[in-house]
Protein backbone atom coordinates (compact mmCIF):
# COMPACT_ATOMS: atom_id res chain seq x y z
CA UNK A 1 -0.07 -0.01 0.04
CA UNK A 2 1.50 3.35 -1.15
CA UNK A 3 0.08 6.20 0.73
CA UNK A 4 0.74 9.60 -0.99
CA UNK A 5 0.44 12.04 1.97
CA UNK A 6 -0.40 15.70 1.56
CA UNK A 7 1.26 18.40 3.62
CA UNK A 8 1.06 17.38 7.33
CA UNK A 9 0.12 19.70 10.11
CA UNK A 10 -1.16 19.41 13.68
CA UNK A 11 -2.75 21.65 16.26
CA UNK A 12 0.48 23.61 16.87
CA UNK A 13 1.19 23.94 13.23
CA UNK A 14 4.45 21.84 12.59
CA UNK A 15 4.03 22.49 8.91
CA UNK A 16 6.95 24.32 7.37
CA UNK A 17 4.84 26.38 4.78
CA UNK A 18 2.04 27.16 7.10
CA UNK A 19 4.47 28.24 9.80
CA UNK A 20 6.29 30.45 7.64
CA UNK A 21 3.01 32.07 6.37
CA UNK A 22 1.90 32.59 10.06
CA UNK A 23 5.40 34.07 10.93
CA UNK A 24 5.27 36.52 7.84
CA UNK A 25 1.70 37.83 9.06
CA UNK A 26 2.55 37.89 12.74
CA UNK A 27 5.87 39.89 11.97
CA UNK A 28 3.84 42.01 9.47
CA UNK A 29 6.49 41.48 6.99
CA UNK A 30 6.20 43.15 3.52
CA UNK A 31 6.25 39.76 1.88
CA UNK A 32 3.29 38.80 3.72
CA UNK A 33 1.28 41.36 1.56
CA UNK A 34 2.37 39.92 -1.90
CA UNK A 35 2.06 36.58 -3.67
CA UNK A 36 3.42 35.82 -7.25
CA UNK A 37 0.66 33.52 -8.24
CA UNK A 38 -3.01 32.98 -8.35
CA UNK A 39 -4.06 33.50 -4.77
CA UNK A 40 -7.19 31.37 -5.37
CA UNK A 41 -4.89 28.25 -5.67
CA UNK A 42 -3.73 26.22 -2.89
CA UNK A 43 -1.83 23.24 -1.48
CA UNK A 44 -3.46 20.01 -0.02
CA UNK A 45 -2.97 19.34 3.71
CA UNK A 46 -3.77 16.77 6.13
CA UNK A 47 -3.78 16.58 9.89
CA UNK A 48 -1.26 14.29 11.61
CA UNK A 49 -3.90 12.31 13.62
CA UNK A 50 -5.74 11.72 10.19
CA UNK A 51 -2.52 10.32 8.76
CA UNK A 52 -2.07 7.93 11.63
CA UNK A 53 -5.72 6.88 11.25
CA UNK A 54 -5.08 6.32 7.38
CA UNK A 55 -1.98 4.14 8.21
CA UNK A 56 -3.77 2.23 11.05
CA UNK A 57 -6.62 1.51 8.66
CA UNK A 58 -4.15 0.23 5.90
CA UNK A 59 -2.61 -2.12 8.44
CA UNK A 60 -5.99 -3.26 9.61
CA UNK A 61 -7.25 -3.95 5.99
CA UNK A 62 -4.01 -5.30 4.52
CA UNK A 63 -5.38 -8.75 3.74
CA UNK A 64 -8.22 -7.25 1.83
CA UNK A 65 -6.12 -4.78 -0.22
CA UNK A 66 -4.76 -5.28 -3.86
CA UNK A 67 -1.24 -6.67 -4.04
CA UNK A 68 -0.16 -2.98 -4.93
CA UNK A 69 -2.16 0.03 -4.79
CA UNK A 70 -1.77 3.79 -4.17
CA UNK A 71 -4.21 6.16 -2.33
CA UNK A 72 -4.05 9.90 -1.71
CA UNK A 73 -4.26 10.97 1.92
CA UNK A 74 -5.41 14.47 2.33
CA UNK A 75 -8.31 16.80 2.86
CA UNK A 76 -10.62 16.91 0.02
CA UNK A 77 -11.12 20.60 0.43
CA UNK A 78 -7.98 22.56 -0.51
CA UNK A 79 -8.08 26.15 1.09
CA UNK A 80 -6.71 28.86 -1.24
CA UNK A 81 -3.56 30.82 -0.36
CA UNK A 82 -5.95 33.80 -0.16
CA UNK A 83 -8.25 32.23 2.29
CA UNK A 84 -5.39 31.19 4.54
CA UNK A 85 -3.99 34.77 4.54
CA UNK A 86 -7.37 36.33 5.34
CA UNK A 87 -8.07 33.89 8.02
CA UNK A 88 -4.75 34.32 9.66
CA UNK A 89 -4.96 38.15 9.40
CA UNK A 90 -8.28 38.07 11.19
CA UNK A 91 -7.26 35.55 13.92
CA UNK A 92 -3.85 37.21 14.61
CA UNK A 93 -4.81 40.89 14.20
CA UNK A 94 -8.58 40.94 13.85
CA UNK A 95 -8.28 42.69 10.41
CA UNK A 96 -8.54 41.92 6.77
CA UNK A 97 -5.18 40.91 5.46
CA UNK A 98 -4.71 42.34 1.88
CA UNK A 99 -2.56 40.25 -0.48
CA UNK A 100 -1.62 41.65 -3.84
CA UNK A 101 -0.51 39.56 -6.71
CA UNK A 102 2.91 40.66 -8.03
CA UNK A 103 4.71 39.60 -11.34
CA UNK A 104 6.81 36.56 -11.13
CA UNK A 105 9.97 38.28 -12.32
CA UNK A 106 9.80 40.79 -9.47
CA UNK A 107 9.07 37.98 -6.94
CA UNK A 108 12.04 35.89 -8.18
CA UNK A 109 14.34 39.01 -8.11
CA UNK A 110 13.25 39.59 -4.38
CA UNK A 111 13.57 35.96 -3.44
CA UNK A 112 17.15 36.06 -4.90
CA UNK A 113 18.10 39.20 -3.11
CA UNK A 114 16.89 37.85 0.22
CA UNK A 115 18.71 34.63 -0.47
CA UNK A 116 22.05 36.59 -0.91
CA UNK A 117 21.69 39.01 2.01
CA UNK A 118 23.36 38.01 5.31
CA UNK A 119 21.11 37.15 8.13
CA UNK A 120 18.25 34.65 8.61
CA UNK A 121 17.94 32.10 5.94
CA UNK A 122 14.79 32.85 4.04
CA UNK A 123 12.05 30.28 3.35
CA UNK A 124 11.00 31.46 -0.02
CA UNK A 125 13.52 30.50 -2.67
CA UNK A 126 13.65 31.67 -6.22
CA UNK A 127 12.61 28.23 -7.63
CA UNK A 128 9.44 28.21 -5.62
CA UNK A 129 8.11 31.23 -7.65
CA UNK A 130 7.39 28.94 -10.54
CA UNK A 131 5.16 26.79 -8.39
CA UNK A 132 3.13 29.61 -6.87
CA UNK A 133 0.28 28.95 -9.48
CA UNK A 134 0.04 25.22 -8.81
CA UNK A 135 -3.15 23.94 -7.30
CA UNK A 136 -3.51 20.65 -5.55
CA UNK A 137 -7.20 19.38 -5.17
CA UNK A 138 -7.17 15.74 -4.10
CA UNK A 139 -9.55 12.98 -4.99
CA UNK A 140 -9.51 10.84 -1.84
CA UNK A 141 -12.31 8.42 -3.18
CA UNK A 142 -9.62 5.57 -3.35
CA UNK A 143 -8.76 5.86 0.30
CA UNK A 144 -12.57 6.01 1.34
CA UNK A 145 -13.26 2.91 -0.67
CA UNK A 146 -10.30 0.82 0.18
CA UNK A 147 -9.39 2.01 3.67
CA UNK A 148 -12.84 3.17 4.97
CA UNK A 149 -10.77 6.39 5.68
CA UNK A 150 -11.51 10.13 5.35
CA UNK A 151 -10.20 13.06 7.34
CA UNK A 152 -11.92 13.85 10.61
CA UNK A 153 -10.19 17.36 10.83
CA UNK A 154 -9.66 20.21 8.63
CA UNK A 155 -7.17 23.05 8.07
CA UNK A 156 -10.02 25.54 8.31
CA UNK A 157 -11.02 24.26 11.75
CA UNK A 158 -7.42 23.87 12.97
CA UNK A 159 -5.95 27.44 12.01
CA UNK A 160 -7.58 29.06 15.13
CA UNK A 161 -5.89 26.31 17.45
CA UNK A 162 -2.61 27.19 15.79
CA UNK A 163 -2.98 30.81 16.27
CA UNK A 164 -4.15 30.32 19.86
CA UNK A 165 -0.95 28.37 20.47
CA UNK A 166 1.09 31.11 18.97
CA UNK A 167 -0.57 33.73 21.10
CA UNK A 168 -0.49 31.73 24.25
CA UNK A 169 3.38 31.27 24.26
CA UNK A 170 4.93 33.10 21.09
CA UNK A 171 8.54 32.15 21.84
CA UNK A 172 7.60 28.44 22.47
CA UNK A 173 5.57 28.41 19.17
CA UNK A 174 8.32 29.83 17.17
CA UNK A 175 10.97 27.55 18.63
CA UNK A 176 8.74 24.25 18.21
CA UNK A 177 8.14 25.38 14.60
CA UNK A 178 11.91 25.89 14.11
CA UNK A 179 11.53 29.63 13.34
CA UNK A 180 13.71 32.34 14.60
CA UNK A 181 12.14 34.23 17.51
CA UNK A 182 11.42 37.88 16.51
CA UNK A 183 14.20 40.29 17.64
CA UNK A 184 11.88 42.35 19.87
CA UNK A 185 10.99 39.17 21.70
CA UNK A 186 14.68 38.23 22.19
CA UNK A 187 15.42 41.65 23.37
CA UNK A 188 12.48 41.43 25.82
CA UNK A 189 13.51 37.96 27.04
CA UNK A 190 17.09 39.07 27.72
CA UNK A 191 15.92 41.96 30.00
CA UNK A 192 14.00 39.72 32.22
């Protein structure tokens, strides 16, 4: 049984692309306001607990499965980049988070420049710009039919828990998501 698993997240986030998106908005970075692709497109995700349930179901049903088969494991609803942006802006700051589409050449130049300036390693790399228009909508029918599985959680319902975790202990959230703690927080912690 080959399980092709979407981007995994949990209640604390623990998803590299989502954590960086949250960080950009939390820190009000200029790059949180621009996107080099169609903002109505998005990436497929799945909660870690649902992945564990899919694996357990595959193990439980292994005797009934075809000799070799593949199934997609993810949420059937793909949230758009734009919807995630608006949701995070509202949850973190209580405001509409405006995101403007920018030309790919400008985005590539900006990503290249960030990549070559000393300091924190940027998440966005020039090669990623070409994939900004990609849209991943999954058909999980095979997983439903063969494994009796479907996700019990959704990214839409989990984003508020991620932001609550961020706001409860911001330094811990940044550390657990392997992000550099904002300088103003480091400065505050060093004076305590």
